[in-house]
């Protein structure tokens, strides 16, 4: 009898462990899906002079993208680069929300990987969430955290007023602004808009899903002359003789920033620091 009880308990434990394993989120799969639906949005000041690189998230297969409004506001040139390596120089502004700092763009693409929108209404404090971020400027990585609160932006100094934000603990580099916050199933629940101290904040996705329908439909300046920083600088800098110091790039040129191994979520900071140092 004792042997039978032990066997039943062992079987129950194994079954519970198997069910837990089956129900556990596949972090790698979430990361790959989120990365595939992430784009880089390059903006220029004219004549191919790079101004900034931001992150964007594809929300529909026909090329609708959400990205930070401040990144493209006033830009003379805009270009979108997908995770698959495709470059789109013709970009349309569908709509924007200046208060929440989110804009909707459209590129001439079809069958793009896109994230399925979820809803912050089902979120509770302590729920697990994921964000794709840059790991020390070296590689893509997914970071995991939990929901801290869903609160008015008015309660967070400098966040703005008149809208709700999702506060979460997943470590996020400042350059990941515009990136996706996803839940345990990989559904898109927010667009990351700021990082303060040990917390990050996102706009609930349901509050910006209507931006593509605003009817702005403004064709933005062609980004055909924009290049990634390392390539642009290499084309304008001659190799230095062995042992000699590298000359500083002229003030009008983009400085040489090595982004060959930097993700979309980390490039923005590296580029902006380099541009500021000119």
Protein backbone atom coordinates (compact mmCIF):
# COMPACT_ATOMS: atom_id res chain seq x y z
CA UNK A 1 0.00 0.00 0.00
CA UNK A 2 2.82 2.36 0.93
CA UNK A 3 4.57 1.58 -2.36
CA UNK A 4 1.36 2.34 -4.26
CA UNK A 5 0.95 5.72 -2.51
CA UNK A 6 4.54 6.69 -3.27
CA UNK A 7 4.09 5.67 -6.91
CA UNK A 8 0.90 7.73 -7.23
CA UNK A 9 2.56 10.77 -5.64
CA UNK A 10 5.57 10.43 -7.94
CA UNK A 11 3.37 10.17 -11.00
CA UNK A 12 1.37 13.22 -9.90
CA UNK A 13 4.56 15.23 -9.39
CA UNK A 14 5.87 14.25 -12.82
CA UNK A 15 2.56 15.16 -14.45
CA UNK A 16 2.51 18.55 -12.70
CA UNK A 17 6.09 19.21 -13.78
CA UNK A 18 5.28 18.29 -17.37
CA UNK A 19 2.24 20.58 -17.40
CA UNK A 20 4.29 23.44 -15.94
CA UNK A 21 6.92 22.91 -18.63
CA UNK A 22 4.27 22.92 -21.36
CA UNK A 23 2.68 26.10 -19.99
CA UNK A 24 5.98 27.94 -19.55
CA UNK A 25 6.54 30.62 -22.19
CA UNK A 26 9.13 29.90 -24.86
CA UNK A 27 11.40 32.89 -24.32
CA UNK A 28 13.51 32.20 -27.40
CA UNK A 29 10.44 31.95 -29.64
CA UNK A 30 9.05 35.20 -28.21
CA UNK A 31 12.40 36.87 -28.82
CA UNK A 32 12.63 35.68 -32.42
CA UNK A 33 9.07 36.75 -33.26
CA UNK A 34 9.55 40.17 -31.67
CA UNK A 35 12.91 40.70 -33.35
CA UNK A 36 11.48 39.77 -36.78
CA UNK A 37 8.77 42.42 -36.38
CA UNK A 38 11.20 45.15 -35.27
CA UNK A 39 12.54 47.76 -37.69
CA UNK A 40 15.03 50.60 -37.71
CA UNK A 41 13.77 54.06 -38.66
CA UNK A 42 16.54 56.31 -39.98
CA UNK A 43 15.97 60.06 -40.28
CA UNK A 44 18.09 62.65 -42.05
CA UNK A 45 18.59 66.41 -42.15
CA UNK A 46 18.92 66.53 -45.94
CA UNK A 47 21.57 65.50 -48.48
CA UNK A 48 21.92 62.14 -46.72
CA UNK A 49 23.13 63.60 -43.42
CA UNK A 50 22.00 61.13 -40.77
CA UNK A 51 20.15 62.65 -37.82
CA UNK A 52 18.94 59.69 -35.74
CA UNK A 53 18.03 56.03 -35.70
CA UNK A 54 14.95 54.89 -33.80
CA UNK A 55 13.16 51.59 -33.25
CA UNK A 56 9.78 50.71 -34.74
CA UNK A 57 7.33 47.82 -34.45
CA UNK A 58 5.39 46.27 -37.34
CA UNK A 59 1.73 45.88 -36.35
CA UNK A 60 0.27 44.64 -39.65
CA UNK A 61 1.58 42.48 -42.48
CA UNK A 62 1.02 45.22 -45.07
CA UNK A 63 3.71 47.48 -43.61
CA UNK A 64 2.12 49.57 -40.84
CA UNK A 65 4.69 50.52 -38.20
CA UNK A 66 4.53 52.28 -34.83
CA UNK A 67 7.57 54.36 -33.84
CA UNK A 68 8.37 57.40 -31.64
CA UNK A 69 6.84 60.60 -33.02
CA UNK A 70 9.79 62.73 -31.85
CA UNK A 71 12.14 60.62 -33.99
CA UNK A 72 10.51 61.62 -37.28
CA UNK A 73 9.01 65.01 -36.40
CA UNK A 74 10.54 67.58 -38.74
CA UNK A 75 12.78 65.03 -40.49
CA UNK A 76 13.62 65.83 -44.12
CA UNK A 77 14.50 62.22 -44.94
CA UNK A 78 13.05 58.98 -43.57
CA UNK A 79 14.06 55.39 -44.27
CA UNK A 80 12.89 52.08 -42.80
CA UNK A 81 15.07 48.96 -42.53
CA UNK A 82 13.48 45.64 -41.60
CA UNK A 83 15.07 42.87 -39.56
CA UNK A 84 15.18 40.83 -42.76
CA UNK A 85 17.46 43.38 -44.41
CA UNK A 86 14.99 45.12 -46.73
CA UNK A 87 15.35 48.90 -47.09
CA UNK A 88 12.39 51.19 -47.84
CA UNK A 89 13.12 54.77 -48.87
CA UNK A 90 9.51 55.84 -49.45
CA UNK A 91 7.63 56.17 -46.16
CA UNK A 92 4.17 57.57 -45.48
CA UNK A 93 3.02 59.15 -42.20
CA UNK A 94 -0.47 57.80 -41.47
CA UNK A 95 -1.04 59.59 -38.17
CA UNK A 96 0.56 60.58 -34.88
CA UNK A 97 -0.21 61.31 -31.23
CA UNK A 98 2.12 64.00 -29.95
CA UNK A 99 0.90 63.61 -26.36
CA UNK A 100 1.83 59.94 -26.24
CA UNK A 101 4.83 60.37 -28.59
CA UNK A 102 3.81 57.62 -31.00
CA UNK A 103 3.45 57.80 -34.80
CA UNK A 104 2.14 55.35 -37.40
CA UNK A 105 4.12 54.88 -40.62
CA UNK A 106 3.46 52.87 -43.78
CA UNK A 107 5.93 51.27 -46.16
CA UNK A 108 5.23 49.58 -49.50
CA UNK A 109 5.62 46.03 -48.28
CA UNK A 110 3.44 42.97 -47.95
CA UNK A 111 3.61 39.76 -45.92
CA UNK A 112 5.85 41.32 -43.27
CA UNK A 113 6.24 39.60 -39.89
CA UNK A 114 3.96 41.49 -37.49
CA UNK A 115 3.13 41.32 -33.80
CA UNK A 116 -0.41 40.49 -32.72
CA UNK A 117 -1.84 43.28 -30.57
CA UNK A 118 -2.96 42.33 -27.08
CA UNK A 119 -4.47 44.58 -24.43
CA UNK A 120 -3.33 46.14 -21.17
CA UNK A 121 -6.83 45.51 -19.75
CA UNK A 122 -5.84 41.94 -18.92
CA UNK A 123 -2.58 42.91 -17.21
CA UNK A 124 -2.08 42.71 -13.46
CA UNK A 125 0.78 43.66 -11.17
CA UNK A 126 3.39 40.91 -11.23
CA UNK A 127 2.53 39.61 -14.70
CA UNK A 128 5.57 38.53 -16.71
CA UNK A 129 6.54 40.69 -19.70
CA UNK A 130 9.37 40.79 -22.24
CA UNK A 131 11.19 43.51 -24.17
CA UNK A 132 13.77 43.15 -26.91
CA UNK A 133 16.82 45.19 -25.94
CA UNK A 134 20.50 45.60 -26.70
CA UNK A 135 22.94 43.65 -24.53
CA UNK A 136 25.80 46.05 -23.83
CA UNK A 137 25.93 47.25 -27.44
CA UNK A 138 27.03 43.82 -28.62
CA UNK A 139 24.02 41.67 -29.54
CA UNK A 140 20.26 41.33 -29.52
CA UNK A 141 18.75 39.95 -26.34
CA UNK A 142 15.36 39.62 -24.76
CA UNK A 143 14.90 40.97 -21.26
CA UNK A 144 12.31 39.73 -18.83
CA UNK A 145 10.50 41.58 -16.08
CA UNK A 146 7.11 42.07 -14.48
CA UNK A 147 4.35 44.64 -14.53
CA UNK A 148 4.77 47.14 -11.70
CA UNK A 149 1.67 49.24 -12.33
CA UNK A 150 -0.62 50.79 -14.89
CA UNK A 151 -0.91 54.41 -13.85
CA UNK A 152 -1.55 57.94 -15.08
CA UNK A 153 1.53 59.50 -16.68
CA UNK A 154 0.92 62.51 -14.42
CA UNK A 155 2.28 60.44 -11.51
CA UNK A 156 5.68 59.99 -13.18
CA UNK A 157 7.78 63.18 -13.29
CA UNK A 158 8.53 64.18 -16.87
CA UNK A 159 6.36 61.48 -18.45
CA UNK A 160 3.59 63.80 -19.62
CA UNK A 161 -0.06 64.27 -18.76
CA UNK A 162 -3.44 63.01 -19.82
CA UNK A 163 -2.77 59.34 -20.60
CA UNK A 164 -2.01 56.00 -18.97
CA UNK A 165 1.33 54.22 -19.02
CA UNK A 166 2.44 50.69 -18.25
CA UNK A 167 5.34 50.58 -15.78
CA UNK A 168 7.48 47.45 -15.89
CA UNK A 169 10.81 46.18 -14.56
CA UNK A 170 12.42 44.48 -17.60
CA UNK A 171 15.85 46.08 -18.13
CA UNK A 172 15.66 48.29 -21.21
CA UNK A 173 18.44 50.35 -22.79
CA UNK A 174 17.52 53.97 -23.53
CA UNK A 175 18.02 53.20 -27.21
CA UNK A 176 15.10 50.75 -27.14
CA UNK A 177 12.58 53.60 -27.14
CA UNK A 178 9.93 52.69 -29.71
CA UNK A 179 10.43 48.98 -29.15
CA UNK A 180 7.81 46.40 -28.24
CA UNK A 181 6.63 45.29 -24.82
CA UNK A 182 5.07 41.82 -25.12
CA UNK A 183 3.29 39.52 -22.70
CA UNK A 184 3.91 35.86 -21.86
CA UNK A 185 2.23 34.77 -25.09
CA UNK A 186 4.20 37.18 -27.28
CA UNK A 187 1.26 39.53 -27.86
CA UNK A 188 2.11 43.23 -28.23
CA UNK A 189 0.83 45.10 -25.17
CA UNK A 190 2.75 48.36 -25.38
CA UNK A 191 5.19 50.64 -27.20
CA UNK A 192 8.17 51.54 -25.00
CA UNK A 193 8.40 55.32 -24.62
CA UNK A 194 10.77 56.05 -21.73
CA UNK A 195 13.23 54.65 -19.22
CA UNK A 196 13.68 56.22 -15.78
CA UNK A 197 15.99 54.82 -13.11
CA UNK A 198 15.14 51.12 -12.66
CA UNK A 199 11.77 51.28 -14.41
CA UNK A 200 10.63 51.48 -18.01
CA UNK A 201 7.33 52.74 -19.36
CA UNK A 202 5.16 51.86 -22.34
CA UNK A 203 2.03 53.24 -23.94
CA UNK A 204 -0.81 50.66 -23.87
CA UNK A 205 -1.13 49.35 -27.40
CA UNK A 206 -4.92 49.76 -27.51
CA UNK A 207 -4.48 53.54 -27.12
CA UNK A 208 -2.45 53.92 -30.34
CA UNK A 209 -3.90 51.25 -32.62
CA UNK A 210 -6.16 53.86 -34.20
CA UNK A 211 -3.30 56.07 -35.40
CA UNK A 212 -3.14 54.47 -38.88
CA UNK A 213 -6.75 55.55 -39.46
CA UNK A 214 -6.27 59.27 -38.77
CA UNK A 215 -5.88 60.01 -42.48
CA UNK A 216 -2.74 62.15 -42.34
CA UNK A 217 -1.29 60.26 -45.34
CA UNK A 218 1.75 62.50 -45.69
CA UNK A 219 4.56 61.28 -47.95
CA UNK A 220 7.80 61.86 -46.06
CA UNK A 221 11.08 62.88 -47.66
CA UNK A 222 12.89 60.06 -49.45
CA UNK A 223 15.56 58.31 -47.42
CA UNK A 224 17.40 57.00 -50.48
CA UNK A 225 20.62 58.82 -49.51
CA UNK A 226 20.70 57.63 -45.90
CA UNK A 227 23.26 55.04 -44.86
CA UNK A 228 24.11 53.27 -41.63
CA UNK A 229 26.88 55.18 -39.79
CA UNK A 230 29.78 52.74 -40.26
CA UNK A 231 29.18 52.40 -44.00
CA UNK A 232 28.69 56.13 -44.48
CA UNK A 233 31.88 56.98 -42.61
CA UNK A 234 33.92 54.28 -44.35
CA UNK A 235 33.01 55.79 -47.71
CA UNK A 236 34.33 59.17 -46.61
CA UNK A 237 37.43 58.16 -44.65
CA UNK A 238 40.71 56.92 -46.15
CA UNK A 239 42.58 54.12 -44.34
CA UNK A 240 45.30 55.36 -41.98
CA UNK A 241 48.90 54.11 -42.36
CA UNK A 242 49.92 51.47 -39.86
CA UNK A 243 50.78 52.97 -36.50
CA UNK A 244 49.37 56.40 -37.28
CA UNK A 245 46.51 58.02 -35.42
CA UNK A 246 43.10 58.02 -37.06
CA UNK A 247 42.11 61.50 -38.26
CA UNK A 248 38.91 62.97 -36.87
CA UNK A 249 36.07 63.13 -39.41
CA UNK A 250 35.28 66.60 -40.77
CA UNK A 251 32.47 68.36 -38.90
CA UNK A 252 30.04 67.95 -41.79
CA UNK A 253 30.48 64.19 -42.02
CA UNK A 254 28.88 61.47 -39.92
CA UNK A 255 31.45 60.08 -37.44
CA UNK A 256 32.51 56.45 -37.73
CA UNK A 257 30.29 54.45 -35.38
CA UNK A 258 30.75 50.69 -35.39
CA UNK A 259 27.23 49.32 -35.57
CA UNK A 260 28.00 46.03 -37.27
CA UNK A 261 27.01 44.11 -34.15
CA UNK A 262 24.62 46.58 -32.55
CA UNK A 263 20.88 45.97 -32.58
CA UNK A 264 18.13 48.35 -33.60
CA UNK A 265 17.33 48.84 -29.94
CA UNK A 266 20.87 49.97 -29.15
CA UNK A 267 21.98 51.86 -32.25
CA UNK A 268 20.03 55.02 -31.51
CA UNK A 269 22.07 55.82 -28.39
CA UNK A 270 25.41 55.08 -30.06
CA UNK A 271 24.59 57.23 -33.07
CA UNK A 272 23.22 60.13 -31.05
CA UNK A 273 26.28 60.14 -28.76
CA UNK A 274 28.55 60.18 -31.80
CA UNK A 275 26.60 62.98 -33.49
CA UNK A 276 26.67 65.03 -30.29
CA UNK A 277 30.45 64.64 -30.11
CA UNK A 278 31.00 66.32 -33.51
